[in-house]
């Protein structure tokens, strides 16, 4: 079973999320499909990793309807459970589609470190009254391992992103030095000055310099 992807998220976090949804289907009792929404906010598009087509379809339907168990969990910051979709009136549009796909119960669990919510794990079952006890040791243990893995991947991503941005600034700094014959300190100060005047972060302006050349910032940096 291949995890399906509808997210621009980083490779490390996405890979861990893919392994997590596959493991959920393999190890959590009654779980036949699973998805993870990454992050803790709702926009027009939610970063999402799914174990299969049904989890992907469920996610996309919730986004289209603007309601559903996962969206409710993200908005409320707590777990959401429905043991019988046929009898539950909370999400009529989404529920009808889920039932046509053979899904009858759903459980959404926050993936939280206690300080930061990394995402929400949604488990689906084909039988009513699945996942009856939310805090079973096996499910809690699974969630704890998922949180630890996602948190570690997120830390790696932050370090990689910081290094990538710093490298971009260094490259732009070198181009400024070469073009205007200034010292490293003055080149960096010029980049910071121009970014402040334009209201953008230095690494964003550095990306423009790499793409279009140093003339894009010359006047704002007081270099001409």
C-alpha atoms as a PDB file:
ATOM      1  CA  UNK A   1       0.000   0.000   0.000  1.00  0.00           C
ATOM      2  CA  UNK A   2       1.531   3.321  -1.067  1.00  0.00           C
ATOM      3  CA  UNK A   3       0.904   6.487   0.923  1.00  0.00           C
ATOM      4  CA  UNK A   4      -0.619   9.243  -1.169  1.00  0.00           C
ATOM      5  CA  UNK A   5       0.534  12.817  -0.971  1.00  0.00           C
ATOM      6  CA  UNK A   6      -1.182  16.190  -1.364  1.00  0.00           C
ATOM      7  CA  UNK A   7       1.297  18.442   0.431  1.00  0.00           C
ATOM      8  CA  UNK A   8       4.194  20.753  -0.384  1.00  0.00           C
ATOM      9  CA  UNK A   9       5.768  19.865   2.965  1.00  0.00           C
ATOM     10  CA  UNK A  10       9.443  18.964   3.401  1.00  0.00           C
ATOM     11  CA  UNK A  11      10.744  15.557   2.445  1.00  0.00           C
ATOM     12  CA  UNK A  12      11.748  14.443   5.951  1.00  0.00           C
ATOM     13  CA  UNK A  13       8.433  15.337   7.588  1.00  0.00           C
ATOM     14  CA  UNK A  14       6.411  13.963   4.676  1.00  0.00           C
ATOM     15  CA  UNK A  15       8.366  10.709   4.706  1.00  0.00           C
ATOM     16  CA  UNK A  16       7.740  10.236   8.439  1.00  0.00           C
ATOM     17  CA  UNK A  17       4.049  11.027   7.921  1.00  0.00           C
ATOM     18  CA  UNK A  18       3.853   8.468   5.112  1.00  0.00           C
ATOM     19  CA  UNK A  19       5.385   5.789   7.333  1.00  0.00           C
ATOM     20  CA  UNK A  20       3.039   6.752  10.164  1.00  0.00           C
ATOM     21  CA  UNK A  21      -0.196   6.373   8.194  1.00  0.00           C
ATOM     22  CA  UNK A  22       0.986   3.056   6.773  1.00  0.00           C
ATOM     23  CA  UNK A  23       1.854   1.852  10.283  1.00  0.00           C
ATOM     24  CA  UNK A  24      -1.544   2.973  11.603  1.00  0.00           C
ATOM     25  CA  UNK A  25      -3.358   0.771   9.116  1.00  0.00           C
ATOM     26  CA  UNK A  26      -1.048  -2.133   9.919  1.00  0.00           C
ATOM     27  CA  UNK A  27      -1.141  -1.900  13.720  1.00  0.00           C
ATOM     28  CA  UNK A  28      -4.215  -0.048  15.034  1.00  0.00           C
ATOM     29  CA  UNK A  29      -7.192  -2.346  15.529  1.00  0.00           C
ATOM     30  CA  UNK A  30     -10.044  -1.822  13.021  1.00  0.00           C
ATOM     31  CA  UNK A  31      -8.118   0.897  11.135  1.00  0.00           C
ATOM     32  CA  UNK A  32      -8.430   0.420   7.368  1.00  0.00           C
ATOM     33  CA  UNK A  33      -7.405   3.891   6.233  1.00  0.00           C
ATOM     34  CA  UNK A  34      -5.532   6.823   7.755  1.00  0.00           C
ATOM     35  CA  UNK A  35      -4.433  10.364   7.039  1.00  0.00           C
ATOM     36  CA  UNK A  36      -2.322  13.064   8.656  1.00  0.00           C
ATOM     37  CA  UNK A  37      -2.935  16.789   8.350  1.00  0.00           C
ATOM     38  CA  UNK A  38       0.388  18.500   8.959  1.00  0.00           C
ATOM     39  CA  UNK A  39       0.490  21.691  11.019  1.00  0.00           C
ATOM     40  CA  UNK A  40      -2.171  23.213  13.241  1.00  0.00           C
ATOM     41  CA  UNK A  41      -3.974  25.759  11.065  1.00  0.00           C
ATOM     42  CA  UNK A  42      -6.683  25.607   8.431  1.00  0.00           C
ATOM     43  CA  UNK A  43      -6.401  27.335   5.072  1.00  0.00           C
ATOM     44  CA  UNK A  44      -7.812  26.772   1.649  1.00  0.00           C
ATOM     45  CA  UNK A  45      -5.449  23.825   1.249  1.00  0.00           C
ATOM     46  CA  UNK A  46      -4.323  21.618   4.116  1.00  0.00           C
ATOM     47  CA  UNK A  47      -1.004  19.769   3.900  1.00  0.00           C
ATOM     48  CA  UNK A  48      -2.030  16.124   3.945  1.00  0.00           C
ATOM     49  CA  UNK A  49      -0.582  12.622   3.701  1.00  0.00           C
ATOM     50  CA  UNK A  50      -2.893   9.631   3.251  1.00  0.00           C
ATOM     51  CA  UNK A  51      -2.549   5.869   3.375  1.00  0.00           C
ATOM     52  CA  UNK A  52      -4.824   5.302   0.388  1.00  0.00           C
ATOM     53  CA  UNK A  53      -7.451   6.721  -1.973  1.00  0.00           C
ATOM     54  CA  UNK A  54     -10.229   6.729   0.611  1.00  0.00           C
ATOM     55  CA  UNK A  55      -8.274   8.836   3.094  1.00  0.00           C
ATOM     56  CA  UNK A  56      -7.339  11.253   0.325  1.00  0.00           C
ATOM     57  CA  UNK A  57     -10.960  11.516  -0.836  1.00  0.00           C
ATOM     58  CA  UNK A  58     -12.145  12.075   2.734  1.00  0.00           C
ATOM     59  CA  UNK A  59      -9.647  14.882   3.242  1.00  0.00           C
ATOM     60  CA  UNK A  60     -10.511  16.612  -0.027  1.00  0.00           C
ATOM     61  CA  UNK A  61     -14.242  16.357   0.729  1.00  0.00           C
ATOM     62  CA  UNK A  62     -13.747  17.937   4.153  1.00  0.00           C
ATOM     63  CA  UNK A  63     -11.839  20.813   2.600  1.00  0.00           C
ATOM     64  CA  UNK A  64     -14.584  21.275  -0.014  1.00  0.00           C
ATOM     65  CA  UNK A  65     -17.405  21.115   2.565  1.00  0.00           C
ATOM     66  CA  UNK A  66     -15.457  23.084   5.181  1.00  0.00           C
ATOM     67  CA  UNK A  67     -16.583  20.629   7.799  1.00  0.00           C
ATOM     68  CA  UNK A  68     -15.728  17.131   8.970  1.00  0.00           C
ATOM     69  CA  UNK A  69     -14.050  15.389  11.894  1.00  0.00           C
ATOM     70  CA  UNK A  70     -10.477  16.357  10.991  1.00  0.00           C
ATOM     71  CA  UNK A  71     -11.352  20.006  10.466  1.00  0.00           C
ATOM     72  CA  UNK A  72     -13.292  20.023  13.734  1.00  0.00           C
ATOM     73  CA  UNK A  73     -10.293  18.554  15.561  1.00  0.00           C
ATOM     74  CA  UNK A  74      -7.897  21.095  14.064  1.00  0.00           C
ATOM     75  CA  UNK A  75     -10.193  23.976  14.966  1.00  0.00           C
ATOM     76  CA  UNK A  76     -10.901  22.742  18.464  1.00  0.00           C
ATOM     77  CA  UNK A  77      -7.456  21.424  19.312  1.00  0.00           C
ATOM     78  CA  UNK A  78      -8.885  18.199  20.738  1.00  0.00           C
ATOM     79  CA  UNK A  79      -9.570  14.647  19.618  1.00  0.00           C
ATOM     80  CA  UNK A  80     -12.808  13.933  17.740  1.00  0.00           C
ATOM     81  CA  UNK A  81     -14.603  10.583  17.649  1.00  0.00           C
ATOM     82  CA  UNK A  82     -17.595   9.222  15.788  1.00  0.00           C
ATOM     83  CA  UNK A  83     -18.517   5.582  16.270  1.00  0.00           C
ATOM     84  CA  UNK A  84     -21.334   5.515  13.704  1.00  0.00           C
ATOM     85  CA  UNK A  85     -21.342   7.929  10.770  1.00  0.00           C
ATOM     86  CA  UNK A  86     -24.812   6.827   9.730  1.00  0.00           C
ATOM     87  CA  UNK A  87     -26.302   7.966  13.041  1.00  0.00           C
ATOM     88  CA  UNK A  88     -24.172  11.073  13.619  1.00  0.00           C
ATOM     89  CA  UNK A  89     -25.610  14.357  12.252  1.00  0.00           C
ATOM     90  CA  UNK A  90     -22.538  16.573  12.709  1.00  0.00           C
ATOM     91  CA  UNK A  91     -21.092  16.526   9.174  1.00  0.00           C
ATOM     92  CA  UNK A  92     -23.866  15.509   6.756  1.00  0.00           C
ATOM     93  CA  UNK A  93     -22.216  16.347   3.427  1.00  0.00           C
ATOM     94  CA  UNK A  94     -18.866  14.808   4.254  1.00  0.00           C
ATOM     95  CA  UNK A  95     -20.401  11.821   6.046  1.00  0.00           C
ATOM     96  CA  UNK A  96     -22.511  10.783   3.060  1.00  0.00           C
ATOM     97  CA  UNK A  97     -19.398  10.586   0.885  1.00  0.00           C
ATOM     98  CA  UNK A  98     -17.435   8.696   3.525  1.00  0.00           C
ATOM     99  CA  UNK A  99     -20.206   6.131   3.895  1.00  0.00           C
ATOM    100  CA  UNK A 100     -20.330   5.587   0.147  1.00  0.00           C
ATOM    101  CA  UNK A 101     -16.648   4.733   0.435  1.00  0.00           C
ATOM    102  CA  UNK A 102     -17.481   2.124   3.069  1.00  0.00           C
ATOM    103  CA  UNK A 103     -16.269   4.084   6.103  1.00  0.00           C
ATOM    104  CA  UNK A 104     -18.407   3.868   9.244  1.00  0.00           C
ATOM    105  CA  UNK A 105     -16.287   5.187  12.138  1.00  0.00           C
ATOM    106  CA  UNK A 106     -13.580   7.812  12.543  1.00  0.00           C
ATOM    107  CA  UNK A 107     -11.163   8.923  15.244  1.00  0.00           C
ATOM    108  CA  UNK A 108      -8.980  12.060  15.010  1.00  0.00           C
ATOM    109  CA  UNK A 109      -6.060  12.449  17.411  1.00  0.00           C
ATOM    110  CA  UNK A 110      -3.825  15.531  17.839  1.00  0.00           C
ATOM    111  CA  UNK A 111      -0.114  14.892  17.358  1.00  0.00           C
ATOM    112  CA  UNK A 112       1.174  17.264  20.011  1.00  0.00           C
ATOM    113  CA  UNK A 113       4.436  17.646  21.895  1.00  0.00           C
ATOM    114  CA  UNK A 114       2.615  19.526  24.645  1.00  0.00           C
ATOM    115  CA  UNK A 115       3.924  22.842  23.340  1.00  0.00           C
ATOM    116  CA  UNK A 116       3.346  22.517  19.601  1.00  0.00           C
ATOM    117  CA  UNK A 117       0.740  20.637  17.571  1.00  0.00           C
ATOM    118  CA  UNK A 118       2.577  18.996  14.680  1.00  0.00           C
ATOM    119  CA  UNK A 119      -0.560  17.675  13.017  1.00  0.00           C
ATOM    120  CA  UNK A 120      -3.636  15.499  13.412  1.00  0.00           C
ATOM    121  CA  UNK A 121      -3.932  11.786  12.736  1.00  0.00           C
ATOM    122  CA  UNK A 122      -7.285  10.586  11.358  1.00  0.00           C
ATOM    123  CA  UNK A 123      -8.146   6.880  11.602  1.00  0.00           C
ATOM    124  CA  UNK A 124     -11.024   5.326   9.627  1.00  0.00           C
ATOM    125  CA  UNK A 125     -12.843   2.019  10.131  1.00  0.00           C
ATOM    126  CA  UNK A 126     -15.340   0.040   8.065  1.00  0.00           C
ATOM    127  CA  UNK A 127     -17.246  -1.112  11.144  1.00  0.00           C
ATOM    128  CA  UNK A 128     -19.384   0.967  13.487  1.00  0.00           C
ATOM    129  CA  UNK A 129     -18.197   1.482  17.077  1.00  0.00           C
ATOM    130  CA  UNK A 130     -14.556   0.981  16.146  1.00  0.00           C
ATOM    131  CA  UNK A 131     -11.937   2.688  18.342  1.00  0.00           C
ATOM    132  CA  UNK A 132     -14.352   2.678  21.335  1.00  0.00           C
ATOM    133  CA  UNK A 133     -11.750   3.616  23.938  1.00  0.00           C
ATOM    134  CA  UNK A 134      -9.622   6.567  22.853  1.00  0.00           C
ATOM    135  CA  UNK A 135      -6.889   6.156  25.410  1.00  0.00           C
ATOM    136  CA  UNK A 136      -6.024   2.493  24.979  1.00  0.00           C
ATOM    137  CA  UNK A 137      -2.337   1.927  25.772  1.00  0.00           C
ATOM    138  CA  UNK A 138      -1.626   0.644  22.253  1.00  0.00           C
ATOM    139  CA  UNK A 139      -3.159   3.677  20.548  1.00  0.00           C
ATOM    140  CA  UNK A 140      -1.475   6.103  22.941  1.00  0.00           C
ATOM    141  CA  UNK A 141       1.853   4.396  22.421  1.00  0.00           C
ATOM    142  CA  UNK A 142       1.420   4.635  18.664  1.00  0.00           C
ATOM    143  CA  UNK A 143       0.609   8.353  18.889  1.00  0.00           C
ATOM    144  CA  UNK A 144       3.597   9.003  21.177  1.00  0.00           C
ATOM    145  CA  UNK A 145       5.947   7.331  18.696  1.00  0.00           C
ATOM    146  CA  UNK A 146       4.403   9.285  15.809  1.00  0.00           C
ATOM    147  CA  UNK A 147       4.852  12.582  17.669  1.00  0.00           C
ATOM    148  CA  UNK A 148       8.484  11.790  18.502  1.00  0.00           C
ATOM    149  CA  UNK A 149       9.284  10.889  14.895  1.00  0.00           C
ATOM    150  CA  UNK A 150       7.529  13.942  13.419  1.00  0.00           C
ATOM    151  CA  UNK A 151       9.150  16.245  15.959  1.00  0.00           C
ATOM    152  CA  UNK A 152      12.617  14.919  15.138  1.00  0.00           C
ATOM    153  CA  UNK A 153      11.974  15.339  11.409  1.00  0.00           C
ATOM    154  CA  UNK A 154      10.684  18.874  11.958  1.00  0.00           C
ATOM    155  CA  UNK A 155      13.842  19.811  13.875  1.00  0.00           C
ATOM    156  CA  UNK A 156      15.972  18.501  11.014  1.00  0.00           C
ATOM    157  CA  UNK A 157      13.890  20.511   8.554  1.00  0.00           C
ATOM    158  CA  UNK A 158      14.353  23.703  10.561  1.00  0.00           C
ATOM    159  CA  UNK A 159      18.122  23.248  10.618  1.00  0.00           C
ATOM    160  CA  UNK A 160      18.243  22.453   6.908  1.00  0.00           C
ATOM    161  CA  UNK A 161      16.078  25.466   6.069  1.00  0.00           C
ATOM    162  CA  UNK A 162      18.217  27.797   8.183  1.00  0.00           C
ATOM    163  CA  UNK A 163      21.374  26.584   6.465  1.00  0.00           C
ATOM    164  CA  UNK A 164      19.782  26.891   3.027  1.00  0.00           C
ATOM    165  CA  UNK A 165      18.753  30.483   3.729  1.00  0.00           C
ATOM    166  CA  UNK A 166      22.155  31.370   5.148  1.00  0.00           C
ATOM    167  CA  UNK A 167      23.863  29.930   2.073  1.00  0.00           C
ATOM    168  CA  UNK A 168      21.634  32.042  -0.174  1.00  0.00           C
ATOM    169  CA  UNK A 169      22.587  35.186   1.776  1.00  0.00           C
ATOM    170  CA  UNK A 170      26.282  34.316   1.547  1.00  0.00           C
ATOM    171  CA  UNK A 171      26.027  33.830  -2.209  1.00  0.00           C
ATOM    172  CA  UNK A 172      24.259  37.171  -2.668  1.00  0.00           C
ATOM    173  CA  UNK A 173      26.815  38.806  -0.387  1.00  0.00           C
ATOM    174  CA  UNK A 174      29.614  37.503  -2.607  1.00  0.00           C
ATOM    175  CA  UNK A 175      27.918  38.871  -5.718  1.00  0.00           C
ATOM    176  CA  UNK A 176      27.597  42.312  -4.090  1.00  0.00           C
ATOM    177  CA  UNK A 177      31.273  42.260  -3.082  1.00  0.00           C
ATOM    178  CA  UNK A 178      32.356  41.364  -6.596  1.00  0.00           C
ATOM    179  CA  UNK A 179      30.088  43.864  -8.339  1.00  0.00           C
ATOM    180  CA  UNK A 180      30.790  46.893  -6.129  1.00  0.00           C
ATOM    181  CA  UNK A 181      34.220  46.083  -4.730  1.00  0.00           C
ATOM    182  CA  UNK A 182      33.138  46.310  -1.083  1.00  0.00           C
ATOM    183  CA  UNK A 183      34.101  44.356   2.031  1.00  0.00           C
ATOM    184  CA  UNK A 184      32.058  41.395   3.311  1.00  0.00           C
ATOM    185  CA  UNK A 185      30.745  43.506   6.205  1.00  0.00           C
ATOM    186  CA  UNK A 186      29.620  46.318   3.908  1.00  0.00           C
ATOM    187  CA  UNK A 187      28.046  43.861   1.446  1.00  0.00           C
ATOM    188  CA  UNK A 188      26.009  42.250   4.223  1.00  0.00           C
ATOM    189  CA  UNK A 189      25.024  45.637   5.656  1.00  0.00           C
ATOM    190  CA  UNK A 190      23.853  46.710   2.200  1.00  0.00           C
ATOM    191  CA  UNK A 191      21.717  43.587   1.860  1.00  0.00           C
ATOM    192  CA  UNK A 192      20.164  44.145   5.277  1.00  0.00           C
ATOM    193  CA  UNK A 193      19.529  47.824   4.538  1.00  0.00           C
ATOM    194  CA  UNK A 194      17.795  47.038   1.245  1.00  0.00           C
ATOM    195  CA  UNK A 195      15.684  44.261   2.775  1.00  0.00           C
ATOM    196  CA  UNK A 196      14.561  46.600   5.584  1.00  0.00           C
ATOM    197  CA  UNK A 197      13.531  49.299   3.129  1.00  0.00           C
ATOM    198  CA  UNK A 198      11.559  46.806   1.064  1.00  0.00           C
ATOM    199  CA  UNK A 199      10.003  45.100   4.065  1.00  0.00           C
ATOM    200  CA  UNK A 200      11.281  41.620   3.214  1.00  0.00           C
ATOM    201  CA  UNK A 201      13.585  39.181   4.956  1.00  0.00           C
ATOM    202  CA  UNK A 202      17.257  39.265   3.848  1.00  0.00           C
ATOM    203  CA  UNK A 203      17.123  35.736   2.460  1.00  0.00           C
ATOM    204  CA  UNK A 204      14.145  36.665   0.265  1.00  0.00           C
ATOM    205  CA  UNK A 205      16.025  39.605  -1.199  1.00  0.00           C
ATOM    206  CA  UNK A 206      19.105  37.409  -1.578  1.00  0.00           C
ATOM    207  CA  UNK A 207      17.031  35.033  -3.697  1.00  0.00           C
ATOM    208  CA  UNK A 208      16.118  37.960  -5.967  1.00  0.00           C
ATOM    209  CA  UNK A 209      19.783  38.898  -6.255  1.00  0.00           C
ATOM    210  CA  UNK A 210      20.714  35.369  -7.281  1.00  0.00           C
ATOM    211  CA  UNK A 211      17.895  35.260  -9.822  1.00  0.00           C
ATOM    212  CA  UNK A 212      18.176  38.741 -11.362  1.00  0.00           C
ATOM    213  CA  UNK A 213      21.557  40.151 -10.362  1.00  0.00           C
ATOM    214  CA  UNK A 214      22.705  42.751  -7.847  1.00  0.00           C
ATOM    215  CA  UNK A 215      21.204  45.673  -9.740  1.00  0.00           C
ATOM    216  CA  UNK A 216      17.793  44.745  -8.273  1.00  0.00           C
ATOM    217  CA  UNK A 217      18.906  46.171  -4.921  1.00  0.00           C
ATOM    218  CA  UNK A 218      21.583  48.727  -5.824  1.00  0.00           C
ATOM    219  CA  UNK A 219      19.610  51.896  -5.042  1.00  0.00           C
ATOM    220  CA  UNK A 220      17.909  50.542  -1.915  1.00  0.00           C
ATOM    221  CA  UNK A 221      21.276  49.408  -0.604  1.00  0.00           C
ATOM    222  CA  UNK A 222      22.953  52.827  -1.148  1.00  0.00           C
ATOM    223  CA  UNK A 223      25.579  51.234  -3.369  1.00  0.00           C
ATOM    224  CA  UNK A 224      25.156  53.622  -6.294  1.00  0.00           C
END
